[in-house]
Amino acid sequence: MNNESIILLIGGSSVVFGVAAWIGLMAVPAWRSYDRLWQRLSSVFLSLYAVAAFIVVGVGLGAVVIWFWDRFSA
C-alpha cells in the first residue's frame, strides 16, 4: 500500500466510525425521546447541529496545532 491508499483508508474509516458514533450516541437517543414523528425527525435533524459544532471545534483545534507546530516540536 502506498501512502495515498493509507490516507484514504484512514479517512474512510474515520467517516464510518463517526457516522456510527452519531447514530449510536446522538440520533437514537434523540429519536427515542419523543412520541410524534415530526418531533422525532426534528430532534434528529437538530442533533446534526451538535455534530457540526464538534466538527468546527475539531478543525479549530487542528488549525491551532498546525499554526504552532514549530513551537510544539522544538
N, C-alpha and C. Protein backbone atom coordinates (compact mmCIF):
# COMPACT_ATOMS: atom_id res chain seq x y z
N MET A 1 0.84 -1.19 0.00
CA MET A 1 0.00 0.00 0.00
C MET A 1 0.88 1.25 0.00
N ASN A 2 0.51 2.17 -0.86
CA ASN A 2 1.25 3.43 -0.86
C ASN A 2 0.62 4.40 0.15
N ASN A 3 1.24 5.54 0.32
CA ASN A 3 0.80 6.50 1.33
C ASN A 3 -0.60 7.02 1.05
N GLU A 4 -0.93 7.24 -0.22
CA GLU A 4 -2.25 7.75 -0.56
C GLU A 4 -3.34 6.75 -0.20
N SER A 5 -3.10 5.48 -0.42
CA SER A 5 -4.08 4.45 -0.06
C SER A 5 -4.29 4.38 1.44
N ILE A 6 -3.22 4.53 2.19
CA ILE A 6 -3.33 4.51 3.65
C ILE A 6 -4.13 5.71 4.14
N ILE A 7 -3.88 6.88 3.55
CA ILE A 7 -4.63 8.08 3.94
C ILE A 7 -6.11 7.91 3.62
N LEU A 8 -6.44 7.37 2.45
CA LEU A 8 -7.83 7.15 2.10
C LEU A 8 -8.49 6.12 3.00
N LEU A 9 -7.76 5.09 3.37
CA LEU A 9 -8.30 4.07 4.27
C LEU A 9 -8.58 4.66 5.65
N ILE A 10 -7.67 5.46 6.17
CA ILE A 10 -7.88 6.08 7.48
C ILE A 10 -9.03 7.09 7.42
N GLY A 11 -9.09 7.88 6.36
CA GLY A 11 -10.18 8.83 6.21
C GLY A 11 -11.54 8.16 6.09
N GLY A 12 -11.61 7.10 5.30
CA GLY A 12 -12.86 6.36 5.16
C GLY A 12 -13.28 5.70 6.46
N SER A 13 -12.33 5.14 7.17
CA SER A 13 -12.64 4.51 8.46
C SER A 13 -13.12 5.55 9.47
N SER A 14 -12.53 6.74 9.44
CA SER A 14 -12.96 7.80 10.34
C SER A 14 -14.39 8.22 10.06
N VAL A 15 -14.75 8.30 8.79
CA VAL A 15 -16.12 8.66 8.43
C VAL A 15 -17.10 7.59 8.90
N VAL A 16 -16.77 6.34 8.68
CA VAL A 16 -17.66 5.24 9.07
C VAL A 16 -17.84 5.22 10.59
N PHE A 17 -16.74 5.32 11.34
CA PHE A 17 -16.85 5.31 12.79
C PHE A 17 -17.54 6.56 13.32
N GLY A 18 -17.33 7.70 12.66
CA GLY A 18 -18.00 8.93 13.07
C GLY A 18 -19.51 8.86 12.88
N VAL A 19 -19.95 8.34 11.74
CA VAL A 19 -21.39 8.18 11.49
C VAL A 19 -21.99 7.17 12.46
N ALA A 20 -21.28 6.08 12.73
CA ALA A 20 -21.76 5.09 13.68
C ALA A 20 -21.88 5.70 15.08
N ALA A 21 -20.92 6.52 15.47
CA ALA A 21 -20.98 7.18 16.78
C ALA A 21 -22.14 8.16 16.84
N TRP A 22 -22.38 8.90 15.77
CA TRP A 22 -23.51 9.83 15.74
C TRP A 22 -24.82 9.08 15.86
N ILE A 23 -24.95 7.99 15.15
CA ILE A 23 -26.18 7.21 15.22
C ILE A 23 -26.39 6.65 16.62
N GLY A 24 -25.34 6.03 17.16
CA GLY A 24 -25.49 5.38 18.45
C GLY A 24 -25.59 6.32 19.64
N LEU A 25 -24.87 7.44 19.59
CA LEU A 25 -24.80 8.32 20.75
C LEU A 25 -25.72 9.53 20.68
N MET A 26 -26.16 9.91 19.47
CA MET A 26 -26.98 11.12 19.37
C MET A 26 -28.33 10.87 18.69
N ALA A 27 -28.33 10.19 17.55
CA ALA A 27 -29.57 10.07 16.78
C ALA A 27 -30.58 9.14 17.47
N VAL A 28 -30.11 7.99 17.94
CA VAL A 28 -31.03 7.04 18.58
C VAL A 28 -31.63 7.62 19.86
N PRO A 29 -30.83 8.20 20.77
CA PRO A 29 -31.46 8.80 21.95
C PRO A 29 -32.40 9.96 21.61
N ALA A 30 -32.05 10.76 20.61
CA ALA A 30 -32.94 11.85 20.20
C ALA A 30 -34.25 11.30 19.63
N TRP A 31 -34.17 10.21 18.89
CA TRP A 31 -35.36 9.59 18.30
C TRP A 31 -36.26 9.02 19.38
N ARG A 32 -35.67 8.41 20.38
CA ARG A 32 -36.46 7.76 21.43
C ARG A 32 -37.03 8.75 22.45
N SER A 33 -36.62 10.00 22.41
CA SER A 33 -37.06 10.97 23.40
C SER A 33 -38.46 11.49 23.14
N TYR A 34 -38.98 11.33 21.95
CA TYR A 34 -40.27 11.91 21.59
C TYR A 34 -41.20 10.85 21.03
N ASP A 35 -42.50 11.18 21.00
CA ASP A 35 -43.51 10.22 20.53
C ASP A 35 -43.97 10.50 19.11
N ARG A 36 -44.16 11.76 18.77
CA ARG A 36 -44.68 12.09 17.44
C ARG A 36 -43.56 12.06 16.41
N LEU A 37 -43.95 11.72 15.18
CA LEU A 37 -42.96 11.57 14.11
C LEU A 37 -42.25 12.89 13.82
N TRP A 38 -42.98 14.01 13.75
CA TRP A 38 -42.34 15.27 13.42
C TRP A 38 -41.38 15.70 14.52
N GLN A 39 -41.67 15.37 15.78
CA GLN A 39 -40.75 15.69 16.86
C GLN A 39 -39.49 14.83 16.77
N ARG A 40 -39.67 13.58 16.44
CA ARG A 40 -38.52 12.69 16.29
C ARG A 40 -37.61 13.14 15.16
N LEU A 41 -38.20 13.46 14.01
CA LEU A 41 -37.40 13.89 12.87
C LEU A 41 -36.69 15.21 13.15
N SER A 42 -37.38 16.13 13.80
CA SER A 42 -36.73 17.41 14.08
C SER A 42 -35.62 17.26 15.12
N SER A 43 -35.79 16.37 16.09
CA SER A 43 -34.72 16.19 17.08
C SER A 43 -33.49 15.55 16.46
N VAL A 44 -33.69 14.61 15.54
CA VAL A 44 -32.55 14.01 14.85
C VAL A 44 -31.89 15.05 13.95
N PHE A 45 -32.68 15.87 13.28
CA PHE A 45 -32.12 16.92 12.44
C PHE A 45 -31.33 17.93 13.27
N LEU A 46 -31.85 18.30 14.42
CA LEU A 46 -31.15 19.27 15.27
C LEU A 46 -29.90 18.68 15.90
N SER A 47 -29.83 17.36 16.02
CA SER A 47 -28.60 16.76 16.53
C SER A 47 -27.45 16.94 15.54
N LEU A 48 -27.78 17.19 14.28
CA LEU A 48 -26.73 17.47 13.29
C LEU A 48 -26.02 18.79 13.59
N TYR A 49 -26.73 19.73 14.25
CA TYR A 49 -26.08 20.97 14.65
C TYR A 49 -25.01 20.71 15.71
N ALA A 50 -25.26 19.76 16.60
CA ALA A 50 -24.25 19.39 17.59
C ALA A 50 -23.03 18.77 16.90
N VAL A 51 -23.28 17.94 15.89
CA VAL A 51 -22.18 17.34 15.13
C VAL A 51 -21.39 18.43 14.42
N ALA A 52 -22.09 19.39 13.85
CA ALA A 52 -21.40 20.50 13.17
C ALA A 52 -20.55 21.29 14.15
N ALA A 53 -21.05 21.49 15.37
CA ALA A 53 -20.26 22.20 16.38
C ALA A 53 -19.01 21.41 16.74
N PHE A 54 -19.13 20.10 16.88
CA PHE A 54 -17.95 19.27 17.16
C PHE A 54 -16.93 19.36 16.02
N ILE A 55 -17.41 19.38 14.80
CA ILE A 55 -16.51 19.48 13.64
C ILE A 55 -15.79 20.83 13.64
N VAL A 56 -16.51 21.91 13.91
CA VAL A 56 -15.90 23.24 13.94
C VAL A 56 -14.84 23.32 15.03
N VAL A 57 -15.14 22.79 16.20
CA VAL A 57 -14.17 22.81 17.29
C VAL A 57 -12.94 21.97 16.93
N GLY A 58 -13.16 20.81 16.34
CA GLY A 58 -12.05 19.95 15.95
C GLY A 58 -11.17 20.59 14.88
N VAL A 59 -11.78 21.22 13.90
CA VAL A 59 -11.00 21.90 12.86
C VAL A 59 -10.24 23.08 13.46
N GLY A 60 -10.88 23.79 14.38
CA GLY A 60 -10.20 24.91 15.03
C GLY A 60 -9.00 24.46 15.85
N LEU A 61 -9.16 23.39 16.62
CA LEU A 61 -8.04 22.88 17.39
C LEU A 61 -6.93 22.35 16.49
N GLY A 62 -7.31 21.71 15.40
CA GLY A 62 -6.31 21.25 14.44
C GLY A 62 -5.56 22.40 13.81
N ALA A 63 -6.27 23.48 13.51
CA ALA A 63 -5.60 24.67 12.95
C ALA A 63 -4.64 25.28 13.95
N VAL A 64 -5.01 25.29 15.23
CA VAL A 64 -4.10 25.82 16.25
C VAL A 64 -2.84 24.96 16.34
N VAL A 65 -3.00 23.65 16.30
CA VAL A 65 -1.84 22.76 16.35
C VAL A 65 -0.94 22.98 15.14
N ILE A 66 -1.53 23.10 13.96
CA ILE A 66 -0.72 23.34 12.75
C ILE A 66 -0.03 24.69 12.82
N TRP A 67 -0.73 25.72 13.31
CA TRP A 67 -0.16 27.06 13.38
C TRP A 67 1.04 27.12 14.32
N PHE A 68 0.94 26.43 15.45
CA PHE A 68 2.00 26.46 16.45
C PHE A 68 2.88 25.23 16.43
N TRP A 69 2.90 24.48 15.35
CA TRP A 69 3.63 23.22 15.28
C TRP A 69 5.12 23.40 15.55
N ASP A 70 5.69 24.46 15.04
CA ASP A 70 7.13 24.68 15.24
C ASP A 70 7.47 24.93 16.70
N ARG A 71 6.56 25.50 17.46
CA ARG A 71 6.79 25.70 18.89
C ARG A 71 6.63 24.41 19.67
N PHE A 72 5.70 23.54 19.25
CA PHE A 72 5.45 22.28 19.94
C PHE A 72 6.57 21.28 19.68
N SER A 73 7.12 21.29 18.48
CA SER A 73 8.09 20.28 18.12
C SER A 73 9.51 20.60 18.59
N ALA A 74 9.75 21.81 19.05
CA ALA A 74 11.10 22.21 19.48
C ALA A 74 11.43 21.72 20.86
